[in-house]
Amino acid sequence: MTVRNRVRGEGAFGTIFGIAVVILVGIALFKVVPLHIAGNKVLDAMTEQANFAGVKALEKIQYEIFVIAQEAGTPLLLQDIKIRRHGNDVIVEAKYIQKVSVLGYQYTYGFDKTVQKPVF
């Protein structure tokens, strides 16, 4: 006759802990990743609009970046977008801070980007 060692529940704590960690990381990513995606949309708009600095007024470029930033859900204000010419280059600067609470922790996303492109 063989003796079987039956241990019930072995490893259950590790499994439950692992699932809890995955859920917590998922919640954190759900709140943080959209901030970075919106920031990248603003940066893409800054780069794209800087390419048109030779044919558009600087105020028009500033406003178009502002519109895209608002559509992306960022708190970027029109006066926080600085556009200037320096020699043969155009420099586009934008800065904003966005805070979100993630599981009791205050995460601060700081967007402070500068795009410099030659004017053609």
N, C-alpha and C. Protein backbone atom coordinates (compact mmCIF):
# COMPACT_ATOMS: atom_id res chain seq x y z
N MET A 1 0.82 -1.15 0.00
CA MET A 1 0.00 0.00 0.00
C MET A 1 0.89 1.24 0.00
N THR A 2 0.54 2.21 -0.88
CA THR A 2 1.35 3.43 -0.97
C THR A 2 0.74 4.52 -0.10
N VAL A 3 1.62 5.28 0.42
CA VAL A 3 1.19 6.38 1.27
C VAL A 3 1.26 7.65 0.43
N ARG A 4 0.15 8.34 0.38
CA ARG A 4 0.11 9.60 -0.37
C ARG A 4 0.12 10.76 0.61
N ASN A 5 0.98 11.69 0.31
CA ASN A 5 0.99 12.91 1.11
C ASN A 5 0.14 13.93 0.39
N ARG A 6 -0.95 14.22 0.98
CA ARG A 6 -1.83 15.24 0.40
C ARG A 6 -1.72 16.51 1.22
N VAL A 7 -1.29 17.54 0.55
CA VAL A 7 -1.20 18.84 1.21
C VAL A 7 -2.10 19.76 0.44
N ARG A 8 -3.16 20.16 1.07
CA ARG A 8 -4.12 21.03 0.40
C ARG A 8 -3.79 22.48 0.70
N GLY A 9 -3.98 23.31 -0.32
CA GLY A 9 -3.78 24.73 -0.14
C GLY A 9 -2.33 25.17 -0.27
N GLU A 10 -1.43 24.24 -0.57
CA GLU A 10 -0.03 24.61 -0.71
C GLU A 10 0.14 25.52 -1.93
N GLY A 11 0.75 26.64 -1.73
CA GLY A 11 0.97 27.57 -2.83
C GLY A 11 -0.18 28.53 -3.07
N ALA A 12 -1.24 28.40 -2.33
CA ALA A 12 -2.39 29.27 -2.54
C ALA A 12 -2.06 30.71 -2.15
N PHE A 13 -1.25 30.88 -1.10
CA PHE A 13 -0.89 32.23 -0.68
C PHE A 13 -0.08 32.92 -1.77
N GLY A 14 0.85 32.22 -2.35
CA GLY A 14 1.67 32.78 -3.42
C GLY A 14 0.84 33.16 -4.63
N THR A 15 -0.11 32.35 -4.97
CA THR A 15 -0.98 32.63 -6.11
C THR A 15 -1.85 33.85 -5.84
N ILE A 16 -2.44 33.91 -4.67
CA ILE A 16 -3.29 35.06 -4.32
C ILE A 16 -2.45 36.33 -4.27
N PHE A 17 -1.26 36.24 -3.67
CA PHE A 17 -0.38 37.41 -3.62
C PHE A 17 0.02 37.85 -5.04
N GLY A 18 0.34 36.93 -5.90
CA GLY A 18 0.70 37.25 -7.29
C GLY A 18 -0.44 37.92 -8.04
N ILE A 19 -1.64 37.41 -7.87
CA ILE A 19 -2.80 38.01 -8.53
C ILE A 19 -3.05 39.42 -8.00
N ALA A 20 -2.89 39.60 -6.68
CA ALA A 20 -3.09 40.93 -6.09
C ALA A 20 -2.07 41.92 -6.64
N VAL A 21 -0.82 41.51 -6.79
CA VAL A 21 0.22 42.38 -7.33
C VAL A 21 -0.10 42.74 -8.78
N VAL A 22 -0.52 41.78 -9.56
CA VAL A 22 -0.88 42.04 -10.96
C VAL A 22 -2.04 43.03 -11.04
N ILE A 23 -3.02 42.89 -10.19
CA ILE A 23 -4.17 43.81 -10.18
C ILE A 23 -3.73 45.21 -9.79
N LEU A 24 -2.88 45.33 -8.77
CA LEU A 24 -2.40 46.65 -8.34
C LEU A 24 -1.57 47.33 -9.42
N VAL A 25 -0.70 46.59 -10.08
CA VAL A 25 0.10 47.14 -11.17
C VAL A 25 -0.81 47.56 -12.32
N GLY A 26 -1.82 46.76 -12.61
CA GLY A 26 -2.78 47.11 -13.67
C GLY A 26 -3.52 48.40 -13.37
N ILE A 27 -3.94 48.58 -12.13
CA ILE A 27 -4.64 49.80 -11.74
C ILE A 27 -3.72 51.01 -11.88
N ALA A 28 -2.48 50.87 -11.43
CA ALA A 28 -1.51 51.96 -11.53
C ALA A 28 -1.24 52.32 -12.99
N LEU A 29 -1.06 51.32 -13.82
CA LEU A 29 -0.82 51.58 -15.25
C LEU A 29 -2.03 52.22 -15.91
N PHE A 30 -3.21 51.82 -15.49
CA PHE A 30 -4.44 52.37 -16.06
C PHE A 30 -4.54 53.87 -15.81
N LYS A 31 -3.98 54.34 -14.71
CA LYS A 31 -4.04 55.76 -14.39
C LYS A 31 -2.84 56.54 -14.93
N VAL A 32 -1.65 55.93 -15.00
CA VAL A 32 -0.43 56.64 -15.36
C VAL A 32 -0.18 56.67 -16.87
N VAL A 33 -0.41 55.57 -17.55
CA VAL A 33 -0.09 55.49 -18.97
C VAL A 33 -0.84 56.54 -19.81
N PRO A 34 -2.11 56.83 -19.57
CA PRO A 34 -2.77 57.87 -20.37
C PRO A 34 -2.11 59.24 -20.25
N LEU A 35 -1.49 59.55 -19.11
CA LEU A 35 -0.79 60.82 -18.97
C LEU A 35 0.40 60.89 -19.92
N HIS A 36 1.11 59.80 -20.03
CA HIS A 36 2.26 59.75 -20.92
C HIS A 36 1.84 59.76 -22.39
N ILE A 37 0.77 59.09 -22.69
CA ILE A 37 0.26 59.09 -24.07
C ILE A 37 -0.17 60.50 -24.48
N ALA A 38 -0.87 61.19 -23.60
CA ALA A 38 -1.29 62.57 -23.90
C ALA A 38 -0.08 63.48 -24.05
N GLY A 39 0.93 63.29 -23.22
CA GLY A 39 2.15 64.07 -23.34
C GLY A 39 2.85 63.83 -24.66
N ASN A 40 2.86 62.58 -25.12
CA ASN A 40 3.47 62.28 -26.41
C ASN A 40 2.69 62.89 -27.57
N LYS A 41 1.36 62.96 -27.43
CA LYS A 41 0.55 63.62 -28.46
C LYS A 41 0.91 65.10 -28.56
N VAL A 42 1.10 65.74 -27.42
CA VAL A 42 1.48 67.16 -27.40
C VAL A 42 2.87 67.33 -28.02
N LEU A 43 3.80 66.46 -27.67
CA LEU A 43 5.14 66.54 -28.23
C LEU A 43 5.12 66.33 -29.75
N ASP A 44 4.32 65.39 -30.22
CA ASP A 44 4.18 65.18 -31.66
C ASP A 44 3.59 66.41 -32.34
N ALA A 45 2.62 67.05 -31.71
CA ALA A 45 2.02 68.26 -32.27
C ALA A 45 3.05 69.39 -32.32
N MET A 46 3.86 69.50 -31.29
CA MET A 46 4.90 70.52 -31.27
C MET A 46 5.90 70.31 -32.41
N THR A 47 6.30 69.07 -32.61
CA THR A 47 7.25 68.75 -33.67
C THR A 47 6.64 69.01 -35.04
N GLU A 48 5.40 68.56 -35.23
CA GLU A 48 4.73 68.75 -36.52
C GLU A 48 4.52 70.22 -36.82
N GLN A 49 4.07 70.99 -35.86
CA GLN A 49 3.80 72.41 -36.09
C GLN A 49 5.10 73.20 -36.29
N ALA A 50 6.18 72.77 -35.66
CA ALA A 50 7.47 73.44 -35.86
C ALA A 50 7.94 73.30 -37.30
N ASN A 51 7.54 72.22 -37.96
CA ASN A 51 7.91 72.04 -39.37
C ASN A 51 7.25 73.08 -40.27
N PHE A 52 6.14 73.68 -39.83
CA PHE A 52 5.41 74.65 -40.64
C PHE A 52 5.72 76.09 -40.25
N ALA A 53 6.77 76.31 -39.48
CA ALA A 53 7.08 77.65 -38.99
C ALA A 53 7.44 78.62 -40.12
N GLY A 54 7.85 78.10 -41.26
CA GLY A 54 8.19 78.97 -42.38
C GLY A 54 6.99 79.50 -43.12
N VAL A 55 5.83 78.84 -42.98
CA VAL A 55 4.65 79.24 -43.75
C VAL A 55 3.46 79.67 -42.87
N LYS A 56 3.56 79.46 -41.57
CA LYS A 56 2.46 79.83 -40.66
C LYS A 56 2.95 80.88 -39.67
N ALA A 57 2.02 81.69 -39.21
CA ALA A 57 2.33 82.65 -38.16
C ALA A 57 2.56 81.90 -36.85
N LEU A 58 3.44 82.43 -36.01
CA LEU A 58 3.76 81.76 -34.76
C LEU A 58 2.55 81.65 -33.84
N GLU A 59 1.65 82.64 -33.88
CA GLU A 59 0.44 82.59 -33.06
C GLU A 59 -0.49 81.46 -33.51
N LYS A 60 -0.54 81.23 -34.81
CA LYS A 60 -1.36 80.15 -35.37
C LYS A 60 -0.80 78.80 -34.93
N ILE A 61 0.51 78.65 -34.96
CA ILE A 61 1.16 77.41 -34.51
C ILE A 61 0.88 77.18 -33.03
N GLN A 62 0.99 78.24 -32.24
CA GLN A 62 0.73 78.15 -30.81
C GLN A 62 -0.70 77.69 -30.55
N TYR A 63 -1.65 78.27 -31.27
CA TYR A 63 -3.05 77.91 -31.07
C TYR A 63 -3.32 76.46 -31.48
N GLU A 64 -2.73 76.01 -32.57
CA GLU A 64 -2.96 74.63 -33.03
C GLU A 64 -2.39 73.62 -32.04
N ILE A 65 -1.25 73.92 -31.45
CA ILE A 65 -0.70 73.04 -30.41
C ILE A 65 -1.63 73.03 -29.20
N PHE A 66 -2.15 74.19 -28.84
CA PHE A 66 -3.08 74.30 -27.71
C PHE A 66 -4.33 73.44 -27.94
N VAL A 67 -4.89 73.51 -29.15
CA VAL A 67 -6.09 72.73 -29.46
C VAL A 67 -5.82 71.24 -29.34
N ILE A 68 -4.71 70.78 -29.86
CA ILE A 68 -4.37 69.36 -29.78
C ILE A 68 -4.16 68.95 -28.32
N ALA A 69 -3.53 69.83 -27.53
CA ALA A 69 -3.31 69.54 -26.11
C ALA A 69 -4.64 69.43 -25.36
N GLN A 70 -5.59 70.28 -25.69
CA GLN A 70 -6.91 70.21 -25.05
C GLN A 70 -7.64 68.94 -25.44
N GLU A 71 -7.54 68.56 -26.71
CA GLU A 71 -8.17 67.31 -27.17
C GLU A 71 -7.56 66.10 -26.48
N ALA A 72 -6.28 66.17 -26.16
CA ALA A 72 -5.61 65.06 -25.49
C ALA A 72 -5.90 65.03 -23.99
N GLY A 73 -6.53 66.09 -23.47
CA GLY A 73 -6.91 66.12 -22.07
C GLY A 73 -5.81 66.61 -21.15
N THR A 74 -4.88 67.39 -21.66
CA THR A 74 -3.81 67.92 -20.82
C THR A 74 -4.20 69.29 -20.26
N PRO A 75 -3.60 69.69 -19.14
CA PRO A 75 -3.89 71.01 -18.57
C PRO A 75 -2.99 72.11 -19.14
N LEU A 76 -2.48 71.93 -20.34
CA LEU A 76 -1.60 72.91 -20.97
C LEU A 76 -2.40 74.15 -21.36
N LEU A 77 -1.94 75.30 -20.88
CA LEU A 77 -2.60 76.57 -21.18
C LEU A 77 -1.93 77.22 -22.38
N LEU A 78 -2.67 78.09 -23.05
CA LEU A 78 -2.15 78.76 -24.23
C LEU A 78 -0.89 79.57 -23.90
N GLN A 79 -0.88 80.24 -22.76
CA GLN A 79 0.28 81.06 -22.41
C GLN A 79 1.49 80.22 -21.98
N ASP A 80 1.30 78.92 -21.76
CA ASP A 80 2.42 78.04 -21.40
C ASP A 80 3.13 77.48 -22.62
N ILE A 81 2.66 77.82 -23.81
CA ILE A 81 3.30 77.41 -25.05
C ILE A 81 4.09 78.60 -25.57
N LYS A 82 5.39 78.48 -25.59
CA LYS A 82 6.27 79.56 -26.04
C LYS A 82 6.88 79.18 -27.39
N ILE A 83 6.74 80.09 -28.35
CA ILE A 83 7.31 79.88 -29.68
C ILE A 83 8.13 81.11 -30.03
N ARG A 84 9.37 80.86 -30.46
CA ARG A 84 10.22 81.98 -30.86
C ARG A 84 11.15 81.54 -31.97
N ARG A 85 11.61 82.52 -32.69
CA ARG A 85 12.60 82.27 -33.73
C ARG A 85 13.96 82.65 -33.17
N HIS A 86 14.95 81.84 -33.52
CA HIS A 86 16.33 82.11 -33.12
C HIS A 86 17.22 81.80 -34.31
N GLY A 87 17.60 82.84 -35.02
CA GLY A 87 18.38 82.64 -36.24
C GLY A 87 17.52 81.97 -37.29
N ASN A 88 17.98 80.86 -37.80
CA ASN A 88 17.23 80.10 -38.81
C ASN A 88 16.40 78.99 -38.19
N ASP A 89 16.25 79.00 -36.89
CA ASP A 89 15.50 77.95 -36.20
C ASP A 89 14.25 78.51 -35.55
N VAL A 90 13.29 77.63 -35.35
CA VAL A 90 12.12 77.95 -34.53
C VAL A 90 12.20 77.04 -33.30
N ILE A 91 11.90 77.63 -32.16
CA ILE A 91 11.96 76.89 -30.89
C ILE A 91 10.57 76.91 -30.27
N VAL A 92 10.05 75.72 -30.01
CA VAL A 92 8.73 75.56 -29.41
C VAL A 92 8.93 74.93 -28.03
N GLU A 93 8.42 75.61 -27.01
CA GLU A 93 8.54 75.12 -25.65
C GLU A 93 7.16 75.02 -25.01
N ALA A 94 6.97 73.97 -24.25
CA ALA A 94 5.70 73.79 -23.54
C ALA A 94 6.00 73.12 -22.20
N LYS A 95 5.24 73.56 -21.19
CA LYS A 95 5.47 73.02 -19.85
C LYS A 95 4.15 72.97 -19.10
N TYR A 96 3.88 71.82 -18.48
CA TYR A 96 2.72 71.69 -17.58
C TYR A 96 2.97 70.55 -16.61
N ILE A 97 2.20 70.55 -15.54
CA ILE A 97 2.28 69.49 -14.54
C ILE A 97 0.88 68.93 -14.35
N GLN A 98 0.80 67.60 -14.32
CA GLN A 98 -0.48 66.94 -14.12
C GLN A 98 -0.32 65.92 -13.00
N LYS A 99 -1.23 65.97 -12.03
CA LYS A 99 -1.16 65.06 -10.89
C LYS A 99 -2.33 64.08 -10.92
N VAL A 100 -2.06 62.87 -10.47
CA VAL A 100 -3.10 61.86 -10.37
C VAL A 100 -2.81 61.00 -9.13
N SER A 101 -3.86 60.60 -8.46
CA SER A 101 -3.72 59.76 -7.28
C SER A 101 -3.78 58.29 -7.71
N VAL A 102 -2.73 57.56 -7.36
CA VAL A 102 -2.64 56.14 -7.70
C VAL A 102 -2.49 55.35 -6.41
N LEU A 103 -3.56 54.71 -6.00
CA LEU A 103 -3.57 53.86 -4.82
C LEU A 103 -3.04 54.61 -3.59
N GLY A 104 -3.46 55.84 -3.42
CA GLY A 104 -3.05 56.64 -2.28
C GLY A 104 -1.75 57.39 -2.48
N TYR A 105 -1.05 57.13 -3.56
CA TYR A 105 0.20 57.80 -3.87
C TYR A 105 -0.08 58.90 -4.88
N GLN A 106 0.46 60.09 -4.67
CA GLN A 106 0.26 61.21 -5.59
C GLN A 106 1.35 61.16 -6.65
N TYR A 107 0.99 60.78 -7.89
CA TYR A 107 1.94 60.72 -8.99
C TYR A 107 1.89 62.04 -9.74
N THR A 108 3.04 62.65 -9.97
CA THR A 108 3.13 63.92 -10.67
C THR A 108 3.83 63.69 -12.00
N TYR A 109 3.11 63.98 -13.08
CA TYR A 109 3.68 63.89 -14.42
C TYR A 109 4.08 65.29 -14.85
N GLY A 110 5.36 65.49 -15.03
CA GLY A 110 5.86 66.80 -15.45
C GLY A 110 6.22 66.78 -16.92
N PHE A 111 5.60 67.65 -17.68
CA PHE A 111 5.87 67.77 -19.12
C PHE A 111 6.62 69.08 -19.31
N ASP A 112 7.87 68.99 -19.73
CA ASP A 112 8.70 70.17 -19.99
C ASP A 112 9.55 69.83 -21.21
N LYS A 113 9.01 70.13 -22.39
CA LYS A 113 9.65 69.73 -23.64
C LYS A 113 9.99 70.96 -24.49
N THR A 114 11.05 70.81 -25.26
CA THR A 114 11.48 71.84 -26.20
C THR A 114 11.77 71.17 -27.52
N VAL A 115 11.24 71.76 -28.59
CA VAL A 115 11.49 71.29 -29.95
C VAL A 115 12.16 72.42 -30.72
N GLN A 116 13.28 72.10 -31.35
CA GLN A 116 13.99 73.10 -32.15
C GLN A 116 14.16 72.55 -33.55
N LYS A 117 13.64 73.30 -34.53
CA LYS A 117 13.68 72.87 -35.94
C LYS A 117 14.16 74.02 -36.80
N PRO A 118 14.83 73.71 -37.89
CA PRO A 118 15.21 74.77 -38.83
C PRO A 118 13.99 75.24 -39.62
N VAL A 119 13.97 76.54 -39.94
CA VAL A 119 12.88 77.11 -40.72
C VAL A 119 13.30 77.07 -42.18
N PHE A 120 12.43 76.54 -43.01
CA PHE A 120 12.73 76.49 -44.46
C PHE A 120 11.91 77.51 -45.21
